[in-house]
Amino acid sequence: MSGDSEPELAVGADAFTDESVDLEVAVVGAGAVGATAAYDLARAGADVTLYDRDGIASGASGRAAGVCYDAYADRLDAEIASDAIERFRALSGDETFPFVECPYVWLAQDGDEERADLVREQVTRMQENGVVALEMDADALADRFDGLRTDDVAVAGIAGAAGYTDPAKYTAALAAAANGAGADLEPENPVEARTDPPRVVPENGEAREVDAVLVTAGAHTKQVLADAGVPIPMKPYRVQALVANCDLAEPTCFDATAGFYVRPHPEGILAGDGTELWEADPDEYDREANDGFAEDLLERVRHRLPEAEPELERAWAGLCTSTPDGDPLVGEIEDGLYVATGFQGHGFMRAPAIGERIATEILGGDGIDAFDPTRFDGDEEFEVTEGMQIGDRE
């Protein structure tokens, strides 16, 4: 379906025009990256269909934390994250989705010298790359954020280019905008991807040959591509989060020593932890939080936010995706077949920029060389690693 009644989004980048593009593209997976790519492709004039086996934002995007920041030591990661934040700001609004500016703090506790050194090194490298970041000791942190407990903090970094949003609302808004730009939306329509030539095969329908197929199916991407005869080294893994009632205006905080993050939320706070470092089945994983998860996490949150007094509202589990080197797989993997997955839990926060970049590549522009999916054979053995950590990924 398509039409003119969907809301128009403000444009955050100049890469696309309304000039006609003679290109048919099938996007498989209506999460944040897929919806963004569909929007940018449709705005460029491509004939786009956005498919999903379930509904819009029904997978990882609907269960994401919605934290957004550019606090990366790596220059490319920081550039992509910065571009994503700019688009979040430009596209947000009363009729689309909220984007709330909120500083991002990451810290190491006394006695954790390894992580403390990594915080200092990360801030220095961010500054060298032109990212706005400050190093703070416990006293300075207390002066800036009186709600945080700081007497056990060895060092903290703070990034001002940060905020949070509602991932499901963002994804729905971008899908609606793609529809308004001419894309067809096909939720609850599972399709298989095929190559040579690129095409999609609906579960109950005839194959449709297209110029390009983009697979952005999150944790299911590996299986979608395997069915097309294209292996990738990606493993889904399970993560957990909760929402609790309390009062917190700012900041978003990642306590690297205690191993959790917490951000403001309309109902109080959203906090996350509970990463399981082994491969999960995307069809069979437990969507409920583990017994004891919420109690343990809230104890750590109460330590860091002593005046918040959070009370549990709900807890859940979702999936992230891991790769051998910690970098995502983004780009053309076979002739006419493109992929975007393996974001180590950072997919949503980079979706506005990743969606734009993969759309640019499909339209004939440059891809992201460092994320080229053909850098792997597809059968590599590797261990799942924590996505939210300080320092460079191995």
Protein backbone atom coordinates (compact mmCIF):
# COMPACT_ATOMS: atom_id res chain seq x y z
CA MET A 1 0.00 0.00 0.00
CA SER A 2 1.12 3.56 -0.57
CA GLY A 3 -0.44 6.95 -0.36
CA ASP A 4 -0.11 10.66 0.29
CA SER A 5 -1.63 10.72 3.77
CA GLU A 6 1.45 9.63 5.69
CA PRO A 7 3.35 12.36 7.59
CA GLU A 8 6.36 13.92 5.91
CA LEU A 9 9.60 13.93 7.86
CA ALA A 10 12.06 16.75 7.93
CA VAL A 11 15.21 15.87 5.98
CA GLY A 12 18.44 15.55 7.94
CA ALA A 13 20.79 14.95 5.01
CA ASP A 14 21.18 16.10 1.42
CA ALA A 15 22.16 12.76 -0.09
CA PHE A 16 18.78 12.12 -1.69
CA THR A 17 16.54 14.04 -4.05
CA ASP A 18 13.13 13.48 -5.53
CA GLU A 19 14.60 12.75 -8.96
CA SER A 20 13.33 9.48 -10.42
CA VAL A 21 15.52 6.39 -10.02
CA ASP A 22 14.76 3.41 -12.23
CA LEU A 23 15.42 0.80 -9.56
CA GLU A 24 13.29 -1.83 -7.84
CA VAL A 25 14.35 -2.76 -4.31
CA ALA A 26 12.96 -5.27 -1.84
CA VAL A 27 13.83 -4.61 1.80
CA VAL A 28 13.42 -7.69 4.00
CA GLY A 29 13.02 -6.70 7.64
CA ALA A 30 11.01 -3.72 8.92
CA GLY A 31 13.17 -2.74 11.86
CA ALA A 32 14.87 0.62 12.32
CA VAL A 33 17.58 0.08 9.69
CA GLY A 34 15.22 -1.42 7.12
CA ALA A 35 12.59 1.31 7.57
CA THR A 36 15.23 4.03 7.29
CA ALA A 37 16.74 2.52 4.15
CA ALA A 38 13.28 2.12 2.62
CA TYR A 39 12.53 5.77 3.37
CA ASP A 40 15.76 7.03 1.82
CA LEU A 41 15.43 4.78 -1.22
CA ALA A 42 11.82 5.81 -1.80
CA ARG A 43 12.73 9.50 -1.46
CA ALA A 44 15.32 8.98 -4.18
CA GLY A 45 12.59 7.66 -6.47
CA ALA A 46 13.27 3.92 -6.24
CA ASP A 47 10.38 1.46 -6.38
CA VAL A 48 10.60 0.03 -2.85
CA THR A 49 8.73 -2.69 -1.01
CA LEU A 50 9.36 -3.17 2.71
CA TYR A 51 8.57 -6.72 3.89
CA ASP A 52 8.43 -8.22 7.36
CA ARG A 53 7.42 -11.68 8.56
CA ASP A 54 5.62 -10.02 11.48
CA GLY A 55 4.96 -6.31 11.94
CA ILE A 56 6.81 -3.01 11.89
CA ALA A 57 9.40 -2.94 14.72
CA SER A 58 8.28 -6.39 15.84
CA GLY A 59 11.82 -7.66 16.44
CA ALA A 60 14.91 -6.16 18.07
CA SER A 61 13.95 -2.56 17.25
CA GLY A 62 10.79 -2.86 19.33
CA ARG A 63 12.81 -4.11 22.31
CA ALA A 64 15.81 -1.79 22.02
CA ALA A 65 16.91 0.64 24.75
CA GLY A 66 16.75 3.77 22.60
CA VAL A 67 20.06 5.15 23.91
CA CYS A 68 21.85 7.41 21.39
CA TYR A 69 25.40 8.77 21.67
CA ASP A 70 28.60 9.40 19.71
CA ALA A 71 30.97 8.28 22.50
CA TYR A 72 33.27 6.18 20.31
CA ALA A 73 37.06 6.29 20.22
CA ASP A 74 37.11 4.90 16.67
CA ARG A 75 36.84 7.69 14.08
CA LEU A 76 34.44 5.84 11.76
CA ASP A 77 32.16 4.72 14.59
CA ALA A 78 32.06 8.27 15.93
CA GLU A 79 31.29 9.73 12.50
CA ILE A 80 28.40 7.32 11.92
CA ALA A 81 27.02 7.87 15.42
CA SER A 82 27.25 11.66 15.04
CA ASP A 83 25.42 11.54 11.71
CA ALA A 84 22.76 9.33 13.28
CA ILE A 85 22.17 11.78 16.13
CA GLU A 86 21.86 14.67 13.68
CA ARG A 87 19.18 12.75 11.79
CA PHE A 88 17.37 11.77 14.99
CA ARG A 89 17.17 15.46 15.83
CA ALA A 90 16.09 16.50 12.34
CA LEU A 91 13.47 13.80 11.87
CA SER A 92 11.92 13.93 15.35
CA GLY A 93 8.85 15.96 16.22
CA ASP A 94 5.39 15.93 17.75
CA GLU A 95 3.96 14.05 14.77
CA THR A 96 6.80 11.54 14.39
CA PHE A 97 8.81 10.42 17.42
CA PRO A 98 10.50 12.12 20.39
CA PHE A 99 14.22 12.73 20.67
CA VAL A 100 15.26 13.93 24.12
CA GLU A 101 18.67 15.53 24.52
CA CYS A 102 20.44 13.92 27.48
CA PRO A 103 24.17 13.78 28.36
CA TYR A 104 25.81 10.36 28.31
CA VAL A 105 28.16 9.42 31.16
CA TRP A 106 30.37 6.34 31.34
CA LEU A 107 32.43 5.61 34.43
CA ALA A 108 34.78 3.22 36.19
CA GLN A 109 34.80 2.67 39.93
CA ASP A 110 37.68 2.93 42.40
CA GLY A 111 39.90 -0.12 42.24
CA ASP A 112 39.03 -0.86 38.61
CA GLU A 113 42.22 0.57 37.15
CA GLU A 114 41.96 -1.26 33.84
CA ARG A 115 38.60 0.28 32.98
CA ALA A 116 39.60 3.64 34.46
CA ASP A 117 42.57 3.78 32.11
CA LEU A 118 40.30 2.82 29.21
CA VAL A 119 37.90 5.66 30.08
CA ARG A 120 40.76 8.17 30.05
CA GLU A 121 42.15 6.79 26.80
CA GLN A 122 38.73 6.83 25.16
CA VAL A 123 38.07 10.46 26.09
CA THR A 124 41.49 11.48 24.75
CA ARG A 125 40.95 9.68 21.45
CA MET A 126 37.46 11.14 21.09
CA GLN A 127 38.85 14.64 21.57
CA GLU A 128 41.57 13.96 19.00
CA ASN A 129 38.83 12.94 16.55
CA GLY A 130 36.86 16.11 17.17
CA VAL A 131 34.15 14.50 19.30
CA VAL A 132 32.97 16.67 22.19
CA ALA A 133 33.90 14.74 25.34
CA LEU A 134 35.15 15.61 28.82
CA GLU A 135 36.97 13.66 31.51
CA MET A 136 35.65 14.17 35.05
CA ASP A 137 36.72 13.11 38.51
CA ALA A 138 34.26 12.21 41.25
CA ASP A 139 33.89 15.78 42.54
CA ALA A 140 33.26 17.29 39.13
CA LEU A 141 30.75 14.56 38.33
CA ALA A 142 28.90 15.22 41.59
CA ASP A 143 28.73 18.94 40.83
CA ARG A 144 27.27 18.25 37.37
CA PHE A 145 24.82 15.46 38.29
CA ASP A 146 23.67 15.61 41.88
CA GLY A 147 21.50 12.52 41.49
CA LEU A 148 24.48 10.22 40.86
CA ARG A 149 26.45 8.60 43.64
CA THR A 150 30.06 9.50 42.91
CA ASP A 151 32.08 8.74 46.06
CA ASP A 152 33.25 5.44 44.54
CA VAL A 153 33.98 6.79 41.03
CA ALA A 154 37.59 6.75 39.84
CA VAL A 155 36.97 8.58 36.56
CA ALA A 156 34.10 9.35 34.21
CA GLY A 157 33.67 10.52 30.65
CA ILE A 158 30.79 12.67 29.49
CA ALA A 159 29.53 13.16 25.94
CA GLY A 160 27.13 16.00 25.27
CA ALA A 161 25.98 14.83 21.82
CA ALA A 162 23.59 12.24 23.17
CA GLY A 163 19.97 11.55 23.96
CA TYR A 164 17.29 8.90 23.86
CA THR A 165 14.14 8.09 21.97
CA ASP A 166 11.39 5.51 21.56
CA PRO A 167 12.70 2.87 19.12
CA ALA A 168 9.28 1.52 18.16
CA LYS A 169 7.93 5.01 17.44
CA TYR A 170 11.01 5.91 15.39
CA THR A 171 10.68 2.77 13.29
CA ALA A 172 6.95 3.24 12.78
CA ALA A 173 7.48 6.88 11.79
CA LEU A 174 10.17 6.00 9.22
CA ALA A 175 8.07 3.19 7.78
CA ALA A 176 5.09 5.54 7.48
CA ALA A 177 7.27 8.18 5.87
CA ALA A 178 8.62 5.60 3.43
CA ASN A 179 5.05 4.71 2.57
CA GLY A 180 4.26 8.39 2.10
CA ALA A 181 7.25 8.67 -0.26
CA GLY A 182 5.86 5.85 -2.39
CA ALA A 183 7.16 2.64 -0.81
CA ASP A 184 4.83 -0.32 -0.39
CA LEU A 185 4.60 -1.79 3.11
CA GLU A 186 4.12 -5.54 3.40
CA PRO A 187 4.02 -6.46 7.10
CA GLU A 188 3.04 -10.01 8.06
CA ASN A 189 4.28 -11.18 4.66
CA PRO A 190 7.30 -13.47 5.09
CA VAL A 191 9.51 -13.74 2.03
CA GLU A 192 12.60 -15.69 1.04
CA ALA A 193 15.56 -13.96 -0.60
CA ARG A 194 17.18 -15.42 -3.70
CA THR A 195 20.15 -14.51 -5.90
CA ASP A 196 21.14 -14.74 -9.56
CA PRO A 197 18.97 -12.86 -10.30
CA PRO A 198 18.06 -11.03 -7.06
CA ARG A 199 14.45 -11.72 -6.12
CA VAL A 200 12.07 -12.36 -3.25
CA VAL A 201 9.66 -15.25 -2.95
CA PRO A 202 6.60 -14.64 -0.76
CA GLU A 203 5.36 -17.52 1.38
CA ASN A 204 2.13 -17.59 -0.60
CA GLY A 205 2.83 -16.01 -3.94
CA GLU A 206 5.00 -15.80 -7.00
CA ALA A 207 8.65 -14.78 -7.04
CA ARG A 208 9.34 -11.12 -7.72
CA GLU A 209 12.56 -10.25 -9.51
CA VAL A 210 14.10 -6.93 -8.44
CA ASP A 211 17.28 -4.96 -8.98
CA ALA A 212 18.35 -5.31 -5.35
CA VAL A 213 17.37 -7.18 -2.20
CA LEU A 214 18.38 -5.67 1.14
CA VAL A 215 18.17 -8.02 4.12
CA THR A 216 17.81 -6.17 7.43
CA ALA A 217 16.05 -8.91 9.36
CA GLY A 218 17.99 -8.55 12.61
CA ALA A 219 18.60 -11.84 14.38
CA HIS A 220 16.87 -13.68 11.51
CA THR A 221 19.24 -12.28 8.88
CA LYS A 222 21.62 -15.23 9.11
CA GLN A 223 18.82 -17.70 8.33
CA VAL A 224 17.34 -15.55 5.55
CA LEU A 225 20.72 -15.44 3.83
CA ALA A 226 21.46 -19.11 4.52
CA ASP A 227 18.24 -20.03 2.72
CA ALA A 228 19.60 -18.04 -0.24
CA GLY A 229 22.86 -20.01 -0.08
CA VAL A 230 24.86 -17.12 1.38
CA PRO A 231 26.53 -17.81 4.75
CA ILE A 232 27.50 -15.01 7.14
CA PRO A 233 29.44 -15.12 10.44
CA MET A 234 26.80 -13.63 12.73
CA LYS A 235 25.40 -14.92 16.02
CA PRO A 236 22.29 -13.61 17.79
CA TYR A 237 22.64 -13.31 21.55
CA ARG A 238 20.18 -12.55 24.31
CA VAL A 239 20.11 -9.33 26.37
CA GLN A 240 17.73 -8.12 29.08
CA ALA A 241 16.29 -4.79 30.22
CA LEU A 242 13.67 -3.32 32.53
CA VAL A 243 11.59 -0.23 33.16
CA ALA A 244 11.10 1.03 36.71
CA ASN A 245 9.08 3.86 38.23
CA CYS A 246 11.15 6.69 39.75
CA ASP A 247 12.38 10.19 38.95
CA LEU A 248 15.48 10.74 36.78
CA ALA A 249 15.94 13.68 34.42
CA GLU A 250 19.56 13.02 33.44
CA PRO A 251 22.07 11.62 32.63
CA THR A 252 22.15 8.36 30.75
CA CYS A 253 24.84 6.44 32.63
CA PHE A 254 26.94 3.37 31.83
CA ASP A 255 28.65 1.96 34.92
CA ALA A 256 31.36 -0.14 33.27
CA THR A 257 32.54 -1.68 36.51
CA ALA A 258 29.07 -2.76 37.63
CA GLY A 259 28.15 -3.70 34.05
CA PHE A 260 24.84 -1.91 33.46
CA TYR A 261 23.35 1.19 31.81
CA VAL A 262 20.40 3.35 32.89
CA ARG A 263 18.59 6.18 31.14
CA PRO A 264 15.57 8.37 31.81
CA HIS A 265 12.26 7.00 30.54
CA PRO A 266 8.73 8.45 30.46
CA GLU A 267 7.78 6.02 33.25
CA GLY A 268 10.97 6.60 35.23
CA ILE A 269 14.08 4.76 34.11
CA LEU A 270 15.09 2.11 31.58
CA ALA A 271 18.06 -0.04 32.63
CA GLY A 272 19.83 -2.92 30.93
CA ASP A 273 22.25 -5.73 31.59
CA GLY A 274 21.88 -9.50 31.51
CA THR A 275 23.87 -10.21 28.35
CA GLU A 276 24.26 -13.92 27.63
CA LEU A 277 27.49 -14.64 25.76
CA TRP A 278 26.29 -17.56 23.68
CA GLU A 279 24.27 -17.93 20.50
CA ALA A 280 20.49 -17.78 20.83
CA ASP A 281 17.80 -19.20 18.57
CA PRO A 282 15.88 -16.18 17.19
CA ASP A 283 12.67 -18.23 16.97
CA GLU A 284 12.90 -20.03 20.32
CA TYR A 285 14.61 -17.63 22.74
CA ASP A 286 12.89 -16.71 26.02
CA ARG A 287 11.43 -13.22 25.70
CA GLU A 288 10.88 -12.96 29.46
CA ALA A 289 13.65 -11.77 31.77
CA ASN A 290 15.47 -14.36 33.86
CA ASP A 291 14.41 -14.98 37.44
CA GLY A 292 16.37 -12.65 39.68
CA PHE A 293 17.48 -10.38 36.82
CA ALA A 294 15.38 -7.37 37.81
CA GLU A 295 16.14 -7.66 41.52
CA ASP A 296 19.89 -7.85 40.92
CA LEU A 297 19.94 -5.00 38.40
CA LEU A 298 17.77 -2.70 40.51
CA GLU A 299 20.12 -3.21 43.45
CA ARG A 300 23.00 -1.88 41.34
CA VAL A 301 20.85 0.95 39.98
CA ARG A 302 19.85 2.00 43.51
CA HIS A 303 23.52 2.11 44.46
CA ARG A 304 24.30 4.49 41.59
CA LEU A 305 21.04 6.50 41.97
CA PRO A 306 20.52 6.55 45.75
CA GLU A 307 17.64 9.04 45.68
CA ALA A 308 15.71 7.50 42.78
CA GLU A 309 14.07 4.60 44.68
CA PRO A 310 13.06 2.72 41.50
CA GLU A 311 10.23 0.19 41.65
CA LEU A 312 9.96 -2.43 38.92
CA GLU A 313 7.32 -1.90 36.24
CA ARG A 314 8.30 -4.60 33.72
CA ALA A 315 11.29 -6.56 32.42
CA TRP A 316 11.98 -8.36 29.15
CA ALA A 317 14.62 -9.94 26.91
CA GLY A 318 15.61 -9.15 23.34
CA LEU A 319 18.31 -10.11 20.86
CA CYS A 320 21.48 -8.44 19.62
CA THR A 321 23.83 -9.73 16.92
CA SER A 322 27.58 -10.37 17.10
CA THR A 323 30.33 -10.77 14.47
CA PRO A 324 33.93 -12.04 14.68
CA ASP A 325 35.52 -8.57 14.83
CA GLY A 326 32.69 -6.68 16.52
CA ASP A 327 31.97 -4.60 13.42
CA PRO A 328 28.69 -4.97 11.53
CA LEU A 329 28.14 -6.52 8.13
CA VAL A 330 26.84 -3.72 5.90
CA GLY A 331 26.95 -3.74 2.11
CA GLU A 332 26.67 -5.89 -0.98
CA ILE A 333 27.48 -9.54 -0.29
CA GLU A 334 26.41 -11.04 -3.65
CA ASP A 335 25.41 -9.35 -6.91
CA GLY A 336 22.24 -7.43 -6.09
CA LEU A 337 22.05 -8.82 -2.54
CA TYR A 338 22.78 -6.47 0.35
CA VAL A 339 22.88 -6.98 4.10
CA ALA A 340 22.93 -4.89 7.28
CA THR A 341 23.32 -6.81 10.54
CA GLY A 342 25.77 -7.64 13.35
CA PHE A 343 25.60 -4.37 15.29
CA GLN A 344 26.60 -5.67 18.75
CA GLY A 345 23.63 -3.93 20.36
CA HIS A 346 24.37 -0.58 18.69
CA GLY A 347 22.14 -1.02 15.65
CA PHE A 348 19.23 1.18 16.65
CA MET A 349 21.34 4.15 17.73
CA ARG A 350 23.12 4.09 14.36
CA ALA A 351 20.08 3.24 12.23
CA PRO A 352 19.51 6.73 10.74
CA ALA A 353 23.08 6.81 9.41
CA ILE A 354 23.42 3.13 8.49
CA GLY A 355 20.08 3.17 6.64
CA GLU A 356 21.19 6.21 4.69
CA ARG A 357 24.57 4.73 3.83
CA ILE A 358 23.26 1.36 2.64
CA ALA A 359 20.65 3.17 0.54
CA THR A 360 23.45 5.25 -0.98
CA GLU A 361 25.36 2.09 -1.88
CA ILE A 362 22.30 0.47 -3.46
CA LEU A 363 21.82 3.62 -5.53
CA GLY A 364 25.35 3.30 -6.87
CA GLY A 365 27.35 5.28 -4.31
CA ASP A 366 30.13 4.22 -2.00
CA GLY A 367 29.65 1.68 0.75
CA ILE A 368 31.40 1.46 4.14
CA ASP A 369 34.65 -0.33 3.40
CA ALA A 370 35.32 -1.32 7.02
CA PHE A 371 31.90 -2.98 7.26
CA ASP A 372 32.10 -4.78 3.89
CA PRO A 373 30.41 -8.16 4.51
CA THR A 374 32.70 -9.89 2.00
CA ARG A 375 35.66 -9.46 4.39
CA PHE A 376 34.60 -12.83 5.82
CA ASP A 377 34.09 -16.21 4.18
CA GLY A 378 30.95 -16.76 6.24
CA ASP A 379 31.98 -19.92 8.10
CA GLU A 380 34.29 -18.32 10.69
CA GLU A 381 34.24 -19.66 14.25
CA PHE A 382 34.09 -17.00 16.97
CA GLU A 383 32.83 -16.27 20.46
CA VAL A 384 30.01 -13.85 21.24
CA THR A 385 31.36 -10.69 22.89
CA GLU A 386 29.74 -7.99 25.00
CA GLY A 387 28.49 -5.13 22.86
CA MET A 388 28.48 -2.34 25.46
CA GLN A 389 32.05 -2.03 26.70
CA ILE A 390 34.87 0.47 26.97
CA GLY A 391 37.76 0.36 24.54
CA ASP A 392 38.19 -1.04 21.06
CA ARG A 393 36.48 -4.30 20.14
CA GLU A 394 38.67 -7.29 19.45
